[in-house]
């Protein structure tokens, strides 16, 4: 009887812990041709956390992909564009709120 009561008392705590872990887990990357190429061409050297935890402008993503190609990543120019477009769309730099920034005099 005690084991049943103890189990019943612990179940809500286990559920809370599972929810907390799920909330901390990063969302899965959106599907698309860019993700497929990243998995094929980039995951050889980088894990997904290294890639998808960053948020860069399109120009910065293009520079990063170009740098990786110069270091030996086997990607065509068309594939590079697809990867940059995907990363810029899904992992772009947060837009700055220019309305909240007063102009400099």
C-alpha atoms as a PDB file:
ATOM      1  CA  UNK A   1       0.000   0.000   0.000  1.00  0.00           C
ATOM      2  CA  UNK A   2       2.838   2.368   0.880  1.00  0.00           C
ATOM      3  CA  UNK A   3       4.490   1.745  -2.495  1.00  0.00           C
ATOM      4  CA  UNK A   4       1.282   2.711  -4.290  1.00  0.00           C
ATOM      5  CA  UNK A   5       0.944   5.912  -2.266  1.00  0.00           C
ATOM      6  CA  UNK A   6       4.608   6.776  -2.811  1.00  0.00           C
ATOM      7  CA  UNK A   7       4.304   6.148  -6.534  1.00  0.00           C
ATOM      8  CA  UNK A   8       1.164   8.273  -6.727  1.00  0.00           C
ATOM      9  CA  UNK A   9       2.942  11.085  -4.887  1.00  0.00           C
ATOM     10  CA  UNK A  10       6.001  10.953  -7.177  1.00  0.00           C
ATOM     11  CA  UNK A  11       4.185  10.841 -10.531  1.00  0.00           C
ATOM     12  CA  UNK A  12       3.404  14.584 -10.646  1.00  0.00           C
ATOM     13  CA  UNK A  13       7.047  15.365  -9.871  1.00  0.00           C
ATOM     14  CA  UNK A  14       8.249  13.106 -12.665  1.00  0.00           C
ATOM     15  CA  UNK A  15       5.806  14.774 -15.068  1.00  0.00           C
ATOM     16  CA  UNK A  16       7.049  18.227 -14.049  1.00  0.00           C
ATOM     17  CA  UNK A  17      10.647  17.167 -14.632  1.00  0.00           C
ATOM     18  CA  UNK A  18       9.840  15.774 -18.062  1.00  0.00           C
ATOM     19  CA  UNK A  19       8.069  19.010 -19.025  1.00  0.00           C
ATOM     20  CA  UNK A  20      11.029  21.072 -17.839  1.00  0.00           C
ATOM     21  CA  UNK A  21      13.444  18.977 -19.901  1.00  0.00           C
ATOM     22  CA  UNK A  22      11.213  19.271 -22.967  1.00  0.00           C
ATOM     23  CA  UNK A  23      11.043  23.047 -22.553  1.00  0.00           C
ATOM     24  CA  UNK A  24      14.850  23.262 -22.524  1.00  0.00           C
ATOM     25  CA  UNK A  25      15.278  21.122 -25.636  1.00  0.00           C
ATOM     26  CA  UNK A  26      15.947  23.165 -28.764  1.00  0.00           C
ATOM     27  CA  UNK A  27      13.287  22.946 -31.446  1.00  0.00           C
ATOM     28  CA  UNK A  28      13.965  20.709 -34.406  1.00  0.00           C
ATOM     29  CA  UNK A  29      15.237  22.528 -37.480  1.00  0.00           C
ATOM     30  CA  UNK A  30      12.542  23.148 -40.087  1.00  0.00           C
ATOM     31  CA  UNK A  31      12.620  20.706 -43.009  1.00  0.00           C
ATOM     32  CA  UNK A  32      13.832  21.804 -46.407  1.00  0.00           C
ATOM     33  CA  UNK A  33      16.466  21.408 -49.091  1.00  0.00           C
ATOM     34  CA  UNK A  34      18.865  23.546 -47.046  1.00  0.00           C
ATOM     35  CA  UNK A  35      18.559  21.243 -44.050  1.00  0.00           C
ATOM     36  CA  UNK A  36      19.165  18.224 -46.256  1.00  0.00           C
ATOM     37  CA  UNK A  37      22.350  19.806 -47.609  1.00  0.00           C
ATOM     38  CA  UNK A  38      23.508  20.826 -44.128  1.00  0.00           C
ATOM     39  CA  UNK A  39      23.027  17.246 -42.949  1.00  0.00           C
ATOM     40  CA  UNK A  40      24.936  15.940 -45.991  1.00  0.00           C
ATOM     41  CA  UNK A  41      27.719  18.502 -46.270  1.00  0.00           C
ATOM     42  CA  UNK A  42      28.166  20.197 -42.880  1.00  0.00           C
ATOM     43  CA  UNK A  43      27.350  17.503 -40.318  1.00  0.00           C
ATOM     44  CA  UNK A  44      30.573  15.735 -41.242  1.00  0.00           C
ATOM     45  CA  UNK A  45      32.474  18.297 -39.146  1.00  0.00           C
ATOM     46  CA  UNK A  46      29.764  20.082 -37.141  1.00  0.00           C
ATOM     47  CA  UNK A  47      26.960  18.899 -34.896  1.00  0.00           C
ATOM     48  CA  UNK A  48      23.554  20.526 -35.216  1.00  0.00           C
ATOM     49  CA  UNK A  49      23.968  22.546 -32.013  1.00  0.00           C
ATOM     50  CA  UNK A  50      27.066  24.238 -33.452  1.00  0.00           C
ATOM     51  CA  UNK A  51      25.117  25.291 -36.527  1.00  0.00           C
ATOM     52  CA  UNK A  52      21.601  25.983 -35.311  1.00  0.00           C
ATOM     53  CA  UNK A  53      22.514  27.818 -32.107  1.00  0.00           C
ATOM     54  CA  UNK A  54      23.921  30.695 -34.140  1.00  0.00           C
ATOM     55  CA  UNK A  55      21.914  33.582 -35.548  1.00  0.00           C
ATOM     56  CA  UNK A  56      23.632  35.584 -38.265  1.00  0.00           C
ATOM     57  CA  UNK A  57      22.738  37.988 -41.029  1.00  0.00           C
ATOM     58  CA  UNK A  58      22.562  36.649 -44.577  1.00  0.00           C
ATOM     59  CA  UNK A  59      25.956  38.211 -45.310  1.00  0.00           C
ATOM     60  CA  UNK A  60      27.496  36.607 -42.225  1.00  0.00           C
ATOM     61  CA  UNK A  61      26.019  33.190 -43.103  1.00  0.00           C
ATOM     62  CA  UNK A  62      27.344  33.563 -46.661  1.00  0.00           C
ATOM     63  CA  UNK A  63      30.812  34.389 -45.312  1.00  0.00           C
ATOM     64  CA  UNK A  64      30.702  31.387 -42.970  1.00  0.00           C
ATOM     65  CA  UNK A  65      29.602  28.980 -45.711  1.00  0.00           C
ATOM     66  CA  UNK A  66      32.230  30.411 -48.073  1.00  0.00           C
ATOM     67  CA  UNK A  67      34.881  29.965 -45.384  1.00  0.00           C
ATOM     68  CA  UNK A  68      33.844  26.343 -44.888  1.00  0.00           C
ATOM     69  CA  UNK A  69      34.028  25.732 -48.642  1.00  0.00           C
ATOM     70  CA  UNK A  70      37.526  27.234 -48.658  1.00  0.00           C
ATOM     71  CA  UNK A  71      38.462  24.824 -45.863  1.00  0.00           C
ATOM     72  CA  UNK A  72      37.357  21.825 -47.888  1.00  0.00           C
ATOM     73  CA  UNK A  73      33.585  21.461 -47.549  1.00  0.00           C
ATOM     74  CA  UNK A  74      32.407  19.919 -50.789  1.00  0.00           C
ATOM     75  CA  UNK A  75      29.572  22.228 -51.839  1.00  0.00           C
ATOM     76  CA  UNK A  76      28.725  23.683 -55.222  1.00  0.00           C
ATOM     77  CA  UNK A  77      27.858  27.374 -55.591  1.00  0.00           C
ATOM     78  CA  UNK A  78      24.175  26.419 -55.986  1.00  0.00           C
ATOM     79  CA  UNK A  79      24.297  24.319 -52.815  1.00  0.00           C
ATOM     80  CA  UNK A  80      25.996  27.160 -50.964  1.00  0.00           C
ATOM     81  CA  UNK A  81      23.159  29.495 -51.964  1.00  0.00           C
ATOM     82  CA  UNK A  82      20.553  26.970 -50.805  1.00  0.00           C
ATOM     83  CA  UNK A  83      22.322  26.552 -47.455  1.00  0.00           C
ATOM     84  CA  UNK A  84      22.729  30.313 -46.935  1.00  0.00           C
ATOM     85  CA  UNK A  85      19.083  30.951 -47.853  1.00  0.00           C
ATOM     86  CA  UNK A  86      17.928  28.272 -45.404  1.00  0.00           C
ATOM     87  CA  UNK A  87      20.130  29.497 -42.560  1.00  0.00           C
ATOM     88  CA  UNK A  88      19.252  33.152 -43.162  1.00  0.00           C
ATOM     89  CA  UNK A  89      15.543  32.403 -43.183  1.00  0.00           C
ATOM     90  CA  UNK A  90      15.503  30.090 -40.171  1.00  0.00           C
ATOM     91  CA  UNK A  91      18.539  31.227 -38.163  1.00  0.00           C
ATOM     92  CA  UNK A  92      18.959  34.836 -39.195  1.00  0.00           C
ATOM     93  CA  UNK A  93      20.106  37.581 -36.881  1.00  0.00           C
ATOM     94  CA  UNK A  94      17.289  39.097 -34.833  1.00  0.00           C
ATOM     95  CA  UNK A  95      16.068  42.308 -36.359  1.00  0.00           C
ATOM     96  CA  UNK A  96      16.914  45.390 -34.376  1.00  0.00           C
ATOM     97  CA  UNK A  97      14.098  47.654 -33.297  1.00  0.00           C
ATOM     98  CA  UNK A  98      15.116  50.926 -34.933  1.00  0.00           C
ATOM     99  CA  UNK A  99      11.984  52.696 -33.662  1.00  0.00           C
ATOM    100  CA  UNK A 100      13.166  52.290 -30.059  1.00  0.00           C
ATOM    101  CA  UNK A 101      16.618  53.705 -30.821  1.00  0.00           C
ATOM    102  CA  UNK A 102      16.701  57.519 -30.783  1.00  0.00           C
ATOM    103  CA  UNK A 103      18.602  59.133 -33.654  1.00  0.00           C
ATOM    104  CA  UNK A 104      22.064  60.535 -32.931  1.00  0.00           C
ATOM    105  CA  UNK A 105      22.460  64.301 -33.272  1.00  0.00           C
END
